């Protein structure tokens, strides 16, 4: 078992990958439209910040409650069938909600239930999607396949879906949700057309339970030193990103003195960086010698970006730092997912990826709380500097994990 992800083979669009890519990008567009429209609808129903936060929390809670379960189910069932069934269910659910809105029936509790239900279904879909990709492309082509997939999703979500949502909302409050429903249904049809898996679903040992199967996935992750290190680095990174997102508006507008218009442009730099990161991720992997080294370099670059964000009070500097931060973040994501897919047996891939996701998701809300508390007792830029120290620790964790496994390759 090697620590490096081969990045030299280009992915082919045939054999189902093109259809999976199209379904994923289309769904991300619909998700972006809904994610902009949902809080706007909620804000029209209440002015209470607490009630609005409950709707937002309802969209995160299922990952903490059902994330590991979704991974276990993804390893138990036909993943292709599970994915198109979930997309069909989500499409019908959102279509029903759009119909209710069009008829004038809207309630905050319904929005919370919708957010909770969609994310619950997403726990199965996302883990199945991660596990199905290695069945469609050679494992050596996974970095390229993941890079194209994530780049397409970033373009569809950031530069197409989010702007389109504003136009759709002005045309009719139910229209964004109708569009989202259509994207789910079309994606379901695309996924249903994927080639059937060559291998049957792995049989379970007699007497096995979901709990024992989840535990076996967690043990597999823990025993793989590189994936364990990457998972810890992912947790630390999400801690920093969650805190940075919560305070970024204050850092840019109050500390750096930017106007609201400039604030939007600075945020756009981060989104553009993510797209560029997807385009160069495979090349970075080749240049550094593989996935582990690419991750270390990218996390180190993010450390420097945080020092600029917290140390230079100028919108242009913040925009440049966020752009590089976005590039590096996409490089990390592409290679960590690819390493997970390359190093994990197919029958465990859903559970291992769900354990990584669940632990990583914990970091964002925790970071928002911790960084917010730190900003209260210091200055608004200080959490970014603290984040640089945390990100440096993440780079050290990945470097040490990779070096311990193959010291001759680092």
Protein backbone atom coordinates (compact mmCIF):
# COMPACT_ATOMS: atom_id res chain seq x y z
CA UNK A 1 0.00 0.00 0.00
CA UNK A 2 1.52 3.33 -1.05
CA UNK A 3 0.93 6.74 0.36
CA UNK A 4 0.92 8.55 -2.95
CA UNK A 5 -2.07 8.93 -5.25
CA UNK A 6 -1.07 8.44 -8.85
CA UNK A 7 -2.18 11.47 -10.83
CA UNK A 8 -0.85 10.66 -14.28
CA UNK A 9 -3.83 8.96 -15.92
CA UNK A 10 -6.52 11.10 -17.52
CA UNK A 11 -10.13 10.19 -16.89
CA UNK A 12 -12.36 9.14 -19.77
CA UNK A 13 -15.89 10.45 -20.09
CA UNK A 14 -17.16 7.11 -21.34
CA UNK A 15 -18.26 4.20 -19.19
CA UNK A 16 -20.64 6.24 -17.06
CA UNK A 17 -18.32 8.91 -15.67
CA UNK A 18 -19.76 11.59 -17.96
CA UNK A 19 -23.28 10.81 -16.79
CA UNK A 20 -22.23 10.84 -13.14
CA UNK A 21 -20.46 14.17 -13.68
CA UNK A 22 -23.54 15.64 -15.37
CA UNK A 23 -25.83 14.43 -12.59
CA UNK A 24 -23.53 15.80 -9.88
CA UNK A 25 -23.10 19.20 -11.53
CA UNK A 26 -26.82 19.52 -12.26
CA UNK A 27 -27.69 18.63 -8.67
CA UNK A 28 -25.17 21.14 -7.32
CA UNK A 29 -26.79 23.85 -9.44
CA UNK A 30 -30.20 22.98 -7.98
CA UNK A 31 -28.81 22.82 -4.45
CA UNK A 32 -27.24 26.26 -4.83
CA UNK A 33 -30.54 27.70 -6.03
CA UNK A 34 -32.41 26.15 -3.09
CA UNK A 35 -29.76 27.11 -0.52
CA UNK A 36 -30.13 30.77 -1.48
CA UNK A 37 -33.92 30.67 -1.71
CA UNK A 38 -34.62 28.76 1.51
CA UNK A 39 -33.28 31.39 3.96
CA UNK A 40 -35.02 34.12 1.94
CA UNK A 41 -38.34 32.32 2.34
CA UNK A 42 -37.60 31.75 6.03
CA UNK A 43 -36.77 35.43 6.54
CA UNK A 44 -40.14 36.31 5.05
CA UNK A 45 -41.87 34.18 7.67
CA UNK A 46 -40.06 35.40 10.80
CA UNK A 47 -37.70 38.12 11.98
CA UNK A 48 -36.40 36.03 14.88
CA UNK A 49 -32.68 35.24 14.45
CA UNK A 50 -33.09 32.22 16.73
CA UNK A 51 -35.89 30.71 14.63
CA UNK A 52 -33.92 31.35 11.45
CA UNK A 53 -30.91 29.60 12.98
CA UNK A 54 -33.10 26.58 13.74
CA UNK A 55 -33.86 26.17 10.04
CA UNK A 56 -30.14 26.35 9.29
CA UNK A 57 -29.32 23.88 12.07
CA UNK A 58 -31.92 21.45 10.72
CA UNK A 59 -29.82 21.20 7.58
CA UNK A 60 -26.68 20.19 9.51
CA UNK A 61 -28.09 17.96 12.24
CA UNK A 62 -28.68 14.84 10.09
CA UNK A 63 -24.97 14.54 9.35
CA UNK A 64 -24.25 14.27 13.05
CA UNK A 65 -27.15 11.88 13.70
CA UNK A 66 -27.27 9.78 10.53
CA UNK A 67 -23.90 10.37 8.83
CA UNK A 68 -22.32 7.08 9.93
CA UNK A 69 -25.56 5.20 9.28
CA UNK A 70 -25.68 6.56 5.73
CA UNK A 71 -22.19 5.19 5.09
CA UNK A 72 -23.13 1.75 6.41
CA UNK A 73 -26.24 1.65 4.22
CA UNK A 74 -24.16 2.72 1.20
CA UNK A 75 -22.01 -0.39 1.72
CA UNK A 76 -25.05 -2.65 2.11
CA UNK A 77 -27.05 -1.78 -0.99
CA UNK A 78 -26.68 -1.35 -4.73
CA UNK A 79 -25.17 2.15 -4.74
CA UNK A 80 -26.43 3.09 -8.19
CA UNK A 81 -29.98 2.17 -7.23
CA UNK A 82 -29.67 3.93 -3.88
CA UNK A 83 -28.48 7.14 -5.55
CA UNK A 84 -31.21 7.40 -8.16
CA UNK A 85 -33.87 6.43 -5.63
CA UNK A 86 -32.68 9.14 -3.24
CA UNK A 87 -32.62 11.74 -6.01
CA UNK A 88 -36.12 10.72 -7.07
CA UNK A 89 -37.34 11.05 -3.47
CA UNK A 90 -35.66 14.45 -3.10
CA UNK A 91 -37.13 15.65 -6.37
CA UNK A 92 -40.66 14.67 -5.34
CA UNK A 93 -40.18 16.17 -1.88
CA UNK A 94 -38.99 19.53 -3.20
CA UNK A 95 -41.70 19.51 -5.89
CA UNK A 96 -44.35 19.06 -3.19
CA UNK A 97 -42.85 21.96 -1.24
CA UNK A 98 -42.80 24.16 -4.36
CA UNK A 99 -46.46 23.36 -4.94
CA UNK A 100 -47.32 24.27 -1.35
CA UNK A 101 -45.51 27.60 -1.72
CA UNK A 102 -47.27 28.35 -4.99
CA UNK A 103 -50.62 27.75 -3.27
CA UNK A 104 -49.70 30.06 -0.41
CA UNK A 105 -48.98 27.44 2.24
CA UNK A 106 -45.72 28.18 4.02
CA UNK A 107 -44.65 27.65 7.60
CA UNK A 108 -41.27 27.82 9.28
CA UNK A 109 -41.66 24.31 10.69
CA UNK A 110 -42.19 22.98 7.16
CA UNK A 111 -38.94 24.62 6.03
CA UNK A 112 -37.07 23.02 8.93
CA UNK A 113 -38.56 19.60 8.16
CA UNK A 114 -37.65 20.00 4.48
CA UNK A 115 -34.05 20.91 5.32
CA UNK A 116 -33.78 17.99 7.75
CA UNK A 117 -35.29 15.47 5.33
CA UNK A 118 -33.13 16.53 2.37
CA UNK A 119 -29.91 16.33 4.39
CA UNK A 120 -30.92 12.96 5.85
CA UNK A 121 -31.27 11.60 2.32
CA UNK A 122 -28.00 13.30 1.39
CA UNK A 123 -26.09 11.25 3.97
CA UNK A 124 -26.83 8.11 1.95
CA UNK A 125 -26.38 9.75 -1.45
CA UNK A 126 -23.00 11.40 -0.82
CA UNK A 127 -21.41 8.30 0.69
CA UNK A 128 -22.73 6.12 -2.12
CA UNK A 129 -21.44 8.64 -4.69
CA UNK A 130 -17.94 8.59 -3.19
CA UNK A 131 -17.95 4.80 -3.23
CA UNK A 132 -19.33 4.40 -6.77
CA UNK A 133 -16.74 6.57 -8.52
CA UNK A 134 -13.91 3.97 -8.32
CA UNK A 135 -16.20 1.53 -10.17
CA UNK A 136 -16.47 3.93 -13.11
CA UNK A 137 -12.83 5.01 -13.58
CA UNK A 138 -9.46 3.33 -12.94
CA UNK A 139 -8.10 4.04 -9.46
CA UNK A 140 -5.04 5.74 -10.96
CA UNK A 141 -7.40 8.22 -12.67
CA UNK A 142 -9.30 9.11 -9.49
CA UNK A 143 -7.46 12.41 -8.83
CA UNK A 144 -8.33 13.63 -12.33
CA UNK A 145 -11.92 12.37 -12.02
CA UNK A 146 -12.43 14.02 -8.63
CA UNK A 147 -10.84 17.27 -9.83
CA UNK A 148 -13.19 17.52 -12.81
CA UNK A 149 -16.18 16.60 -10.67
CA UNK A 150 -15.42 19.17 -7.97
CA UNK A 151 -14.57 21.88 -10.50
CA UNK A 152 -17.86 21.38 -12.30
CA UNK A 153 -19.75 21.49 -9.03
CA UNK A 154 -17.96 24.66 -7.95
CA UNK A 155 -18.77 26.39 -11.23
CA UNK A 156 -22.40 25.29 -11.16
CA UNK A 157 -22.92 26.22 -7.53
CA UNK A 158 -20.94 29.42 -7.09
CA UNK A 159 -21.15 31.12 -10.47
CA UNK A 160 -24.42 29.79 -11.90
CA UNK A 161 -26.75 28.54 -9.18
CA UNK A 162 -26.33 31.28 -6.58
CA UNK A 163 -26.80 34.21 -9.02
CA UNK A 164 -29.71 32.44 -10.74
CA UNK A 165 -31.47 31.99 -7.41
CA UNK A 166 -31.90 35.73 -6.95
CA UNK A 167 -33.50 36.10 -10.37
CA UNK A 168 -35.77 33.10 -9.81
CA UNK A 169 -36.96 34.37 -6.42
CA UNK A 170 -38.00 37.70 -7.95
CA UNK A 171 -39.99 35.81 -10.59
CA UNK A 172 -41.84 33.74 -8.01
CA UNK A 173 -41.09 32.39 -4.56
CA UNK A 174 -41.87 28.80 -5.59
CA UNK A 175 -39.83 28.89 -8.81
CA UNK A 176 -36.37 28.18 -7.29
CA UNK A 177 -37.72 25.06 -5.63
CA UNK A 178 -39.42 23.91 -8.82
CA UNK A 179 -36.08 24.26 -10.62
CA UNK A 180 -34.35 22.32 -7.84
CA UNK A 181 -36.94 19.54 -8.12
CA UNK A 182 -36.37 19.25 -11.87
CA UNK A 183 -32.59 19.00 -11.40
CA UNK A 184 -33.07 16.14 -8.93
CA UNK A 185 -35.38 14.25 -11.29
CA UNK A 186 -33.06 14.66 -14.29
CA UNK A 187 -30.08 13.62 -12.14
CA UNK A 188 -32.01 10.53 -11.01
CA UNK A 189 -32.55 9.53 -14.64
CA UNK A 190 -28.85 10.02 -15.44
CA UNK A 191 -27.74 7.93 -12.48
CA UNK A 192 -30.25 5.19 -13.27
CA UNK A 193 -28.62 4.90 -16.70
CA UNK A 194 -25.16 4.20 -15.22
CA UNK A 195 -23.68 0.76 -15.93
CA UNK A 196 -24.66 -1.87 -13.42
CA UNK A 197 -21.82 -2.80 -11.04
CA UNK A 198 -19.66 -5.67 -12.27
CA UNK A 199 -19.47 -7.09 -8.75
CA UNK A 200 -22.50 -7.86 -6.59
CA UNK A 201 -23.03 -6.12 -3.28
CA UNK A 202 -20.65 -7.67 -0.74
CA UNK A 203 -22.30 -10.24 1.50
CA UNK A 204 -22.42 -9.49 5.22
CA UNK A 205 -21.01 -11.85 7.85
CA UNK A 206 -23.69 -13.82 9.70
CA UNK A 207 -25.04 -11.91 12.69
CA UNK A 208 -23.60 -8.56 11.59
CA UNK A 209 -25.52 -5.44 12.56
CA UNK A 210 -25.42 -1.86 11.36
CA UNK A 211 -23.64 -0.91 14.57
CA UNK A 212 -20.92 -3.52 14.07
CA UNK A 213 -20.54 -2.56 10.41
CA UNK A 214 -20.19 1.12 11.31
CA UNK A 215 -17.58 0.17 13.91
CA UNK A 216 -15.61 -1.81 11.33
CA UNK A 217 -15.50 1.24 9.06
CA UNK A 218 -14.29 3.48 11.88
CA UNK A 219 -11.63 0.89 12.80
CA UNK A 220 -10.46 0.74 9.20
CA UNK A 221 -10.07 4.51 9.14
CA UNK A 222 -8.26 4.56 12.46
CA UNK A 223 -5.79 1.82 11.46
CA UNK A 224 -4.78 3.61 8.25
CA UNK A 225 -2.30 6.15 9.56
CA UNK A 226 -2.38 8.40 6.52
CA UNK A 227 -6.17 8.52 6.30
CA UNK A 228 -6.37 9.03 10.05
CA UNK A 229 -3.96 11.95 9.76
CA UNK A 230 -5.87 13.36 6.80
CA UNK A 231 -9.13 13.04 8.73
CA UNK A 232 -7.69 14.92 11.70
CA UNK A 233 -6.32 17.59 9.36
CA UNK A 234 -9.77 17.84 7.77
CA UNK A 235 -11.32 18.37 11.20
CA UNK A 236 -8.80 21.10 12.03
CA UNK A 237 -9.29 22.71 8.62
CA UNK A 238 -13.07 22.78 8.97
CA UNK A 239 -12.66 24.24 12.44
CA UNK A 240 -10.73 27.14 10.91
CA UNK A 241 -13.01 27.52 7.88
CA UNK A 242 -16.16 27.48 10.02
CA UNK A 243 -14.73 30.18 12.26
CA UNK A 244 -13.44 32.23 9.33
CA UNK A 245 -16.79 32.15 7.54
CA UNK A 246 -18.57 33.36 10.66
CA UNK A 247 -16.26 36.37 11.04
CA UNK A 248 -15.29 37.14 7.46
CA UNK A 249 -17.88 39.87 7.01
CA UNK A 250 -16.47 41.68 10.07
CA UNK A 251 -12.86 41.17 9.02
CA UNK A 252 -13.47 42.56 5.54
CA UNK A 253 -15.92 45.39 6.25
CA UNK A 254 -14.87 46.60 9.70
CA UNK A 255 -11.21 45.69 10.08
CA UNK A 256 -10.14 45.99 6.42
CA UNK A 257 -12.60 48.85 5.79
CA UNK A 258 -14.27 47.49 2.64
CA UNK A 259 -17.68 48.56 1.35
CA UNK A 260 -20.52 46.09 0.88
CA UNK A 261 -19.82 45.94 -2.85
CA UNK A 262 -16.15 45.21 -2.27
CA UNK A 263 -17.13 42.57 0.29
CA UNK A 264 -19.02 40.69 -2.42
CA UNK A 265 -16.04 40.90 -4.76
CA UNK A 266 -13.70 39.60 -2.07
CA UNK A 267 -15.96 36.61 -1.49
CA UNK A 268 -16.08 35.99 -5.25
CA UNK A 269 -12.28 35.70 -5.20
CA UNK A 270 -12.60 32.71 -2.87
CA UNK A 271 -15.09 31.01 -5.21
CA UNK A 272 -12.87 31.67 -8.21
CA UNK A 273 -9.94 30.19 -6.32
CA UNK A 274 -11.87 26.99 -5.77
CA UNK A 275 -12.48 26.63 -9.51
CA UNK A 276 -8.82 27.25 -10.31
CA UNK A 277 -7.86 24.74 -7.63
CA UNK A 278 -9.92 22.07 -9.34
CA UNK A 279 -8.21 22.81 -12.64
CA UNK A 280 -4.68 22.56 -11.22
CA UNK A 281 -5.14 19.89 -8.52
CA UNK A 282 -3.97 17.00 -10.69
CA UNK A 283 -0.92 18.97 -11.88
CA UNK A 284 -0.01 19.83 -8.29
CA UNK A 285 -0.20 16.13 -7.47
CA UNK A 286 2.18 15.31 -10.31
CA UNK A 287 4.56 18.13 -9.42
CA UNK A 288 4.78 17.20 -5.74
CA UNK A 289 4.92 13.46 -6.34
CA UNK A 290 1.46 12.47 -5.12
CA UNK A 291 -1.54 13.12 -2.95
CA UNK A 292 0.07 13.31 0.50
CA UNK A 293 2.70 15.84 -0.55
CA UNK A 294 0.12 17.90 -2.43
CA UNK A 295 -2.01 18.06 0.71
CA UNK A 296 0.91 19.18 2.88
CA UNK A 297 1.89 21.91 0.41
CA UNK A 298 -1.69 23.14 0.05
CA UNK A 299 -2.34 23.26 3.80
CA UNK A 300 0.94 25.13 4.28
CA UNK A 301 -0.22 27.64 1.67
CA UNK A 302 -3.50 28.08 3.56
CA UNK A 303 -1.48 28.80 6.70
CA UNK A 304 0.24 31.68 4.94
CA UNK A 305 -3.08 32.96 3.61
CA UNK A 306 -4.52 33.15 7.12
CA UNK A 307 -1.50 35.17 8.27
CA UNK A 308 -2.25 37.67 5.49
CA UNK A 309 -5.99 37.77 6.27
CA UNK A 310 -5.33 38.39 9.95
CA UNK A 311 -2.27 40.59 9.54
CA UNK A 312 -2.91 42.90 6.58
CA UNK A 313 -5.92 45.23 6.89
CA UNK A 314 -6.56 45.79 3.19
CA UNK A 315 -9.37 44.37 1.00
CA UNK A 316 -7.02 43.61 -1.90
CA UNK A 317 -4.71 41.59 0.33
CA UNK A 318 -7.68 39.74 1.80
CA UNK A 319 -9.06 38.99 -1.67
CA UNK A 320 -5.71 37.64 -2.88
CA UNK A 321 -5.31 35.53 0.25
CA UNK A 322 -8.83 34.13 -0.04
CA UNK A 323 -8.27 33.28 -3.71
CA UNK A 324 -5.13 31.29 -2.88
CA UNK A 325 -6.92 29.78 0.12
CA UNK A 326 -9.66 28.56 -2.25
CA UNK A 327 -7.13 27.08 -4.68
CA UNK A 328 -5.37 25.23 -1.88
CA UNK A 329 -8.61 24.03 -0.32
CA UNK A 330 -9.72 22.40 -3.56
CA UNK A 331 -6.32 20.72 -3.95
CA UNK A 332 -6.66 19.26 -0.45
CA UNK A 333 -10.21 18.04 -1.11
CA UNK A 334 -9.36 16.39 -4.43
CA UNK A 335 -6.37 14.48 -3.10
CA UNK A 336 -7.85 13.50 0.26
CA UNK A 337 -10.95 12.03 -1.39
CA UNK A 338 -8.78 10.30 -3.99
CA UNK A 339 -6.49 8.81 -1.33
CA UNK A 340 -9.52 7.53 0.56
CA UNK A 341 -10.91 5.89 -2.57
CA UNK A 342 -7.56 4.38 -3.53
CA UNK A 343 -6.66 3.01 -0.11
CA UNK A 344 -10.01 1.66 1.06
CA UNK A 345 -11.55 -1.67 -0.03
CA UNK A 346 -14.75 -1.20 -2.01
CA UNK A 347 -16.90 -2.97 0.58
CA UNK A 348 -15.81 -0.47 3.28
CA UNK A 349 -15.62 2.72 1.25
CA UNK A 350 -19.06 4.05 2.18
CA UNK A 351 -18.40 3.64 5.90
CA UNK A 352 -14.87 5.07 5.83
CA UNK A 353 -15.94 8.13 3.82
CA UNK A 354 -18.93 8.69 6.13
CA UNK A 355 -16.67 8.63 9.18
CA UNK A 356 -14.41 11.22 7.55
CA UNK A 357 -17.36 13.41 6.58
CA UNK A 358 -19.07 13.24 9.95
CA UNK A 359 -15.93 14.13 11.88
CA UNK A 360 -15.13 16.94 9.47
CA UNK A 361 -18.61 18.46 9.68
CA UNK A 362 -18.31 18.72 13.47
CA UNK A 363 -15.47 21.20 12.99
CA UNK A 364 -17.42 23.98 11.24
CA UNK A 365 -19.97 24.86 13.96
CA UNK A 366 -17.36 24.32 16.66
CA UNK A 367 -15.01 26.72 14.88
CA UNK A 368 -17.73 29.34 14.51
CA UNK A 369 -18.35 29.26 18.26
CA UNK A 370 -14.67 29.22 19.27
CA UNK A 371 -13.57 31.93 16.85
CA UNK A 372 -16.56 34.07 17.75
CA UNK A 373 -15.71 33.83 21.45
CA UNK A 374 -12.06 34.66 20.73
CA UNK A 375 -13.05 37.72 18.69
CA UNK A 376 -15.22 38.94 21.57
CA UNK A 377 -12.27 39.10 23.98
CA UNK A 378 -9.60 40.22 21.47
CA UNK A 379 -9.85 41.83 18.02
CA UNK A 380 -11.80 40.54 15.05
CA UNK A 381 -8.62 39.69 13.10
CA UNK A 382 -6.99 37.65 15.88
CA UNK A 383 -8.97 34.44 15.17
CA UNK A 384 -7.50 34.36 11.65
CA UNK A 385 -4.01 34.41 13.17
CA UNK A 386 -5.01 31.66 15.58
CA UNK A 387 -6.38 29.77 12.58
CA UNK A 388 -2.95 29.95 10.95
CA UNK A 389 -1.47 28.11 13.93
CA UNK A 390 -4.20 25.47 13.72
CA UNK A 391 -3.69 25.04 9.98
CA UNK A 392 0.07 24.69 10.47
CA UNK A 393 -0.67 21.90 12.94
CA UNK A 394 -2.85 20.22 10.30
CA UNK A 395 0.02 20.31 7.79
CA UNK A 396 2.36 18.78 10.36
CA UNK A 397 -0.16 16.01 11.09
CA UNK A 398 -0.41 14.98 7.43
CA UNK A 399 3.36 15.23 6.90
CA UNK A 400 4.14 13.07 9.92
CA UNK A 401 1.50 10.48 9.01
CA UNK A 402 2.87 10.14 5.48
CA UNK A 403 6.50 10.19 6.60
CA UNK A 404 5.92 7.48 9.21
CA UNK A 405 4.42 5.16 6.62
CA UNK A 406 6.92 5.70 3.81
CA UNK A 407 9.91 7.76 5.03
CA UNK A 408 11.76 7.05 1.80
CA UNK A 409 9.07 8.82 -0.22
CA UNK A 410 8.83 12.06 1.77
